[in-house]
Amino acid sequence: MPDINGLLERFAGRMSLEGILAAVLTLLVCLLAVRILLKLVRRLLRRTKLEERVQRYILAGVKMLLYTLTVVFTAGSLGINMSSLVALLSVGSLGVTLAAEDILGNVAGGLVILSSHPFAIGDFIESGGISGTVEEISLNHTKLTTPDGLVALLPNKELAASQVTNYTLLGRRRICWKLSASYDAPTEKVKDACRRALEGTEDILSDPPSAVYLSGFGESGIEFTVYCWAETEKYWPAYFALGEHLRSAFAENGVEIPYNKLDVRIQKDQK
């Protein structure tokens, strides 16, 4: 066991009044510099368009760095050899960085999301096949509430590097219904039935205008596509209501919705 008292006595013996005064003066100067620099950083951050949370994270990181430098400078003025401690801290920080690579990646991704604003809380987004309403944006993950009532946590590292579709940003969302009609039904008759369904559906926007197109020829029927727009918060009610009105309009106008059929013929052998 090392003699702690002996080490303290040797350390105190190497300290002089001039060294102590120099250390106190260095500490005061460093604290004053830290205070001035933090005020300057706050002013610079306020002029930016960064969110308040991002500003707090940046300010906390700058503060930690400045106080660490203060400790190093003060200890150096006392005659303490900081080279070994700095080397140890460097090795330790490298190990922590390697061990927490995913966490640091998520933190970096969170800062990118909070600073670039690809979406905000309350937006309906889709990424990686998962869609939902943004409930929380933290440094580590983004929380979504899916349409079926589930909670999905998306890592910010993957979210920042992947394609994100924001359905709320424009304030409206396009509704698309694809359906088939019998080859016996005239094209204009089918389009007229679709237009009547659109007119009878609430929450459909008039601008941009709705449209009905003949979009393809299937094996059992002609394919039509109906396009219209609704406000983002009214998308799902309008989507399901339009589907019901399309079925009713087809029935009222005598438009048959085809389905796959199999014709079976039985031929008797003639003797």
Protein backbone atom coordinates (compact mmCIF):
# COMPACT_ATOMS: atom_id res chain seq x y z
CA MET A 1 0.00 0.00 0.00
CA PRO A 2 1.48 3.38 -0.91
CA ASP A 3 2.03 5.91 1.86
CA ILE A 4 -0.68 8.47 1.13
CA ASN A 5 0.54 10.83 3.81
CA GLY A 6 4.05 10.69 2.43
CA LEU A 7 2.84 11.44 -1.08
CA LEU A 8 0.82 14.38 0.17
CA GLU A 9 3.79 15.71 2.15
CA ARG A 10 6.12 15.46 -0.89
CA PHE A 11 3.50 17.15 -3.07
CA ALA A 12 3.00 19.91 -0.50
CA GLY A 13 6.74 20.33 -0.21
CA ARG A 14 7.05 21.03 -3.94
CA MET A 15 4.32 23.65 -3.73
CA SER A 16 5.34 27.21 -3.05
CA LEU A 17 3.41 30.34 -2.25
CA GLU A 18 4.12 31.67 -5.72
CA GLY A 19 2.78 28.45 -7.25
CA ILE A 20 -0.41 28.61 -5.22
CA LEU A 21 -0.96 32.24 -6.10
CA ALA A 22 -0.31 31.45 -9.77
CA ALA A 23 -2.82 28.58 -9.63
CA VAL A 24 -5.45 30.80 -7.97
CA LEU A 25 -4.87 33.53 -10.55
CA THR A 26 -5.07 30.97 -13.38
CA LEU A 27 -8.31 29.59 -11.97
CA LEU A 28 -9.88 33.06 -11.70
CA VAL A 29 -8.80 33.99 -15.23
CA CYS A 30 -10.12 30.69 -16.59
CA LEU A 31 -13.47 31.07 -14.82
CA LEU A 32 -13.81 34.61 -16.15
CA ALA A 33 -12.93 33.42 -19.66
CA VAL A 34 -15.45 30.58 -19.35
CA ARG A 35 -18.17 33.02 -18.33
CA ILE A 36 -17.44 35.35 -21.23
CA LEU A 37 -17.22 32.54 -23.77
CA LEU A 38 -20.48 30.97 -22.59
CA LYS A 39 -22.27 34.32 -22.97
CA LEU A 40 -20.84 34.64 -26.46
CA VAL A 41 -21.94 31.11 -27.37
CA ARG A 42 -25.47 31.80 -26.05
CA ARG A 43 -25.75 34.92 -28.20
CA LEU A 44 -24.54 33.08 -31.27
CA LEU A 45 -26.98 30.22 -30.69
CA ARG A 46 -29.91 32.62 -30.29
CA ARG A 47 -29.20 34.03 -33.74
CA THR A 48 -29.46 30.59 -35.30
CA LYS A 49 -32.65 28.72 -36.23
CA LEU A 50 -31.76 25.72 -34.08
CA GLU A 51 -34.37 24.35 -31.71
CA GLU A 52 -34.03 25.23 -28.05
CA ARG A 53 -33.18 21.63 -27.15
CA VAL A 54 -30.29 21.56 -29.64
CA GLN A 55 -29.02 24.87 -28.26
CA ARG A 56 -29.05 23.43 -24.74
CA TYR A 57 -27.12 20.33 -25.85
CA ILE A 58 -24.49 22.41 -27.63
CA LEU A 59 -24.16 24.79 -24.69
CA ALA A 60 -23.75 21.87 -22.25
CA GLY A 61 -21.02 20.35 -24.41
CA VAL A 62 -19.13 23.66 -24.68
CA LYS A 63 -19.45 24.19 -20.94
CA MET A 64 -18.04 20.73 -20.20
CA LEU A 65 -15.10 21.34 -22.54
CA LEU A 66 -14.28 24.74 -21.04
CA TYR A 67 -14.39 23.50 -17.44
CA THR A 68 -12.20 20.54 -18.36
CA LEU A 69 -9.62 22.92 -19.83
CA THR A 70 -9.87 25.02 -16.67
CA VAL A 71 -8.98 22.01 -14.52
CA VAL A 72 -6.05 21.13 -16.78
CA PHE A 73 -4.62 24.68 -16.80
CA THR A 74 -5.04 25.10 -13.04
CA ALA A 75 -3.41 21.74 -12.30
CA GLY A 76 -0.54 22.61 -14.64
CA SER A 77 0.09 25.88 -12.82
CA LEU A 78 0.42 23.88 -9.59
CA GLY A 79 3.24 21.88 -11.13
CA ILE A 80 1.20 18.69 -11.58
CA ASN A 81 2.31 16.62 -14.55
CA MET A 82 -0.82 16.30 -16.67
CA SER A 83 0.68 14.38 -19.58
CA SER A 84 -0.03 10.97 -18.04
CA LEU A 85 -3.54 11.98 -17.05
CA VAL A 86 -4.26 13.39 -20.50
CA ALA A 87 -2.97 10.19 -22.12
CA LEU A 88 -5.12 8.09 -19.78
CA LEU A 89 -8.17 10.18 -20.52
CA SER A 90 -7.49 9.85 -24.26
CA VAL A 91 -7.31 6.07 -24.06
CA GLY A 92 -10.41 5.96 -21.88
CA SER A 93 -12.38 8.23 -24.20
CA LEU A 94 -11.37 6.05 -27.17
CA GLY A 95 -12.64 2.94 -25.40
CA VAL A 96 -15.90 4.63 -24.47
CA THR A 97 -16.33 5.84 -28.05
CA LEU A 98 -15.86 2.35 -29.48
CA ALA A 99 -18.18 0.80 -26.90
CA ALA A 100 -20.90 3.40 -27.41
CA GLU A 101 -20.61 3.74 -31.18
CA ASP A 102 -24.31 3.08 -31.79
CA ILE A 103 -25.37 5.44 -29.00
CA LEU A 104 -23.14 8.22 -30.31
CA GLY A 105 -24.45 7.57 -33.83
CA ASN A 106 -28.02 7.93 -32.55
CA VAL A 107 -27.09 11.14 -30.74
CA ALA A 108 -25.52 12.54 -33.91
CA GLY A 109 -28.61 11.51 -35.86
CA GLY A 110 -30.84 13.17 -33.27
CA LEU A 111 -28.91 16.42 -33.59
CA VAL A 112 -29.24 16.25 -37.38
CA ILE A 113 -33.01 15.70 -37.12
CA LEU A 114 -33.50 18.49 -34.58
CA SER A 115 -31.40 20.94 -36.60
CA SER A 116 -32.64 20.14 -40.14
CA HIS A 117 -36.37 19.80 -39.18
CA PRO A 118 -37.42 17.05 -41.65
CA PHE A 119 -40.44 16.52 -39.40
CA ALA A 120 -41.88 17.78 -36.13
CA ILE A 121 -43.96 16.39 -33.30
CA GLY A 122 -47.47 15.67 -34.57
CA ASP A 123 -46.39 14.97 -38.16
CA PHE A 124 -47.39 11.74 -39.88
CA ILE A 125 -44.28 10.21 -41.46
CA GLU A 126 -43.12 6.96 -43.03
CA SER A 127 -39.62 5.49 -42.99
CA GLY A 128 -38.35 1.96 -43.54
CA GLY A 129 -41.85 0.60 -44.05
CA ILE A 130 -43.05 2.00 -40.69
CA SER A 131 -45.53 4.88 -40.63
CA GLY A 132 -47.08 6.78 -37.76
CA THR A 133 -47.52 10.07 -35.93
CA VAL A 134 -44.39 11.55 -34.32
CA GLU A 135 -44.90 11.66 -30.55
CA GLU A 136 -41.36 12.36 -29.31
CA ILE A 137 -37.95 13.27 -30.72
CA SER A 138 -35.07 12.54 -28.34
CA LEU A 139 -31.35 12.33 -28.92
CA ASN A 140 -31.45 8.53 -29.03
CA HIS A 141 -34.67 7.66 -30.86
CA THR A 142 -37.90 8.97 -32.36
CA LYS A 143 -41.22 7.64 -31.05
CA LEU A 144 -44.08 7.00 -33.47
CA THR A 145 -47.68 5.98 -32.85
CA THR A 146 -48.82 3.78 -35.72
CA PRO A 147 -52.39 3.88 -37.14
CA ASP A 148 -53.17 0.55 -35.42
CA GLY A 149 -52.27 1.95 -32.00
CA LEU A 150 -48.75 0.57 -31.60
CA VAL A 151 -45.67 2.50 -30.43
CA ALA A 152 -42.57 2.27 -32.64
CA LEU A 153 -39.13 3.51 -31.57
CA LEU A 154 -36.90 4.34 -34.55
CA PRO A 155 -33.15 4.80 -33.91
CA ASN A 156 -32.10 8.28 -34.97
CA LYS A 157 -28.95 6.94 -36.64
CA GLU A 158 -30.99 4.93 -39.13
CA LEU A 159 -33.75 7.53 -39.40
CA ALA A 160 -31.34 10.33 -40.30
CA ALA A 161 -29.70 8.20 -43.02
CA SER A 162 -32.88 6.77 -44.56
CA GLN A 163 -35.62 8.18 -46.75
CA VAL A 164 -38.39 9.86 -44.76
CA THR A 165 -41.79 10.72 -46.24
CA ASN A 166 -43.60 13.51 -44.41
CA TYR A 167 -47.33 13.41 -45.17
CA THR A 168 -48.13 16.43 -42.97
CA LEU A 169 -45.69 18.98 -44.35
CA LEU A 170 -47.95 20.16 -47.22
CA GLY A 171 -51.09 20.15 -45.08
CA ARG A 172 -52.89 17.82 -47.47
CA ARG A 173 -52.58 14.23 -48.62
CA ARG A 174 -53.59 12.50 -51.84
CA ILE A 175 -56.14 9.69 -51.79
CA CYS A 176 -55.73 6.99 -54.41
CA TRP A 177 -58.30 4.28 -55.10
CA LYS A 178 -57.69 1.62 -57.76
CA LEU A 179 -60.61 -0.52 -58.91
CA SER A 180 -61.76 -2.61 -61.86
CA ALA A 181 -64.89 -2.51 -63.98
CA SER A 182 -66.29 -5.02 -66.43
CA TYR A 183 -65.24 -4.83 -70.07
CA ASP A 184 -68.94 -4.52 -70.90
CA ALA A 185 -69.25 -1.20 -69.02
CA PRO A 186 -68.62 1.94 -71.15
CA THR A 187 -65.68 4.02 -70.03
CA GLU A 188 -67.66 7.24 -69.56
CA LYS A 189 -70.29 5.39 -67.53
CA VAL A 190 -67.63 4.14 -65.12
CA LYS A 191 -66.01 7.58 -64.87
CA ASP A 192 -69.40 9.17 -64.22
CA ALA A 193 -70.04 6.73 -61.37
CA CYS A 194 -66.64 7.58 -59.86
CA ARG A 195 -67.35 11.31 -60.11
CA ARG A 196 -70.67 10.86 -58.32
CA ALA A 197 -68.87 8.99 -55.55
CA LEU A 198 -66.41 11.86 -55.23
CA GLU A 199 -69.21 14.42 -55.07
CA GLY A 200 -70.93 12.49 -52.29
CA THR A 201 -67.80 12.17 -50.13
CA GLU A 202 -67.19 14.78 -47.45
CA ASP A 203 -63.77 16.28 -46.66
CA ILE A 204 -62.58 16.02 -50.29
CA LEU A 205 -60.70 19.17 -51.32
CA SER A 206 -61.72 20.99 -54.49
CA ASP A 207 -58.17 22.26 -55.02
CA PRO A 208 -56.23 20.34 -56.26
CA PRO A 209 -59.10 18.93 -58.37
CA SER A 210 -60.04 15.27 -58.31
CA ALA A 211 -59.44 13.06 -61.36
CA VAL A 212 -60.49 9.68 -62.74
CA TYR A 213 -58.31 7.80 -65.24
CA LEU A 214 -58.44 4.57 -67.19
CA SER A 215 -55.13 3.17 -65.99
CA GLY A 216 -54.88 -0.36 -67.39
CA PHE A 217 -56.40 -3.49 -68.83
CA GLY A 218 -56.57 -6.51 -66.58
CA GLU A 219 -57.35 -10.13 -67.27
CA SER A 220 -60.93 -9.83 -66.06
CA GLY A 221 -61.68 -6.11 -66.22
CA ILE A 222 -60.60 -2.57 -67.05
CA GLU A 223 -58.62 -0.83 -64.31
CA PHE A 224 -59.50 2.70 -63.19
CA THR A 225 -57.67 5.01 -60.77
CA VAL A 226 -59.40 7.70 -58.72
CA TYR A 227 -57.29 10.58 -57.37
CA CYS A 228 -58.40 13.22 -54.88
CA TRP A 229 -57.01 15.23 -51.97
CA ALA A 230 -57.93 15.69 -48.32
CA GLU A 231 -56.50 17.53 -45.34
CA THR A 232 -53.95 15.42 -43.49
CA GLU A 233 -56.02 15.00 -40.33
CA LYS A 234 -59.08 14.02 -42.40
CA TYR A 235 -57.30 11.61 -44.73
CA TRP A 236 -58.43 8.30 -43.28
CA PRO A 237 -62.14 9.22 -42.82
CA ALA A 238 -62.25 10.52 -46.40
CA TYR A 239 -60.36 7.47 -47.71
CA PHE A 240 -62.75 4.92 -46.21
CA ALA A 241 -65.86 6.98 -47.02
CA LEU A 242 -64.84 7.23 -50.67
CA GLY A 243 -64.45 3.45 -50.88
CA GLU A 244 -68.01 2.93 -49.64
CA HIS A 245 -69.37 5.57 -52.03
CA LEU A 246 -67.57 4.01 -54.99
CA ARG A 247 -69.19 0.65 -54.31
CA SER A 248 -72.63 2.27 -53.97
CA ALA A 249 -72.16 4.36 -57.13
CA PHE A 250 -71.15 1.29 -59.15
CA ALA A 251 -74.24 -0.57 -57.96
CA GLU A 252 -76.57 2.35 -58.69
CA ASN A 253 -75.18 2.81 -62.21
CA GLY A 254 -75.13 -0.87 -63.06
CA VAL A 255 -71.33 -1.11 -63.29
CA GLU A 256 -70.16 -4.63 -62.58
CA ILE A 257 -67.03 -5.12 -60.53
CA PRO A 258 -65.39 -8.19 -62.09
CA TYR A 259 -63.71 -11.04 -60.27
CA ASN A 260 -61.68 -14.00 -61.40
CA LYS A 261 -63.81 -16.66 -62.99
CA LEU A 262 -63.07 -20.24 -63.95
CA ASP A 263 -65.15 -21.86 -66.66
CA VAL A 264 -65.35 -25.64 -66.43
CA ARG A 265 -66.68 -27.68 -69.36
CA ILE A 266 -67.47 -31.35 -69.11
CA GLN A 267 -67.43 -33.24 -72.39
CA LYS A 268 -68.76 -36.75 -72.58
CA ASP A 269 -66.97 -39.30 -74.66
CA GLN A 270 -69.05 -40.38 -77.59
CA LYS A 271 -69.04 -44.08 -78.29
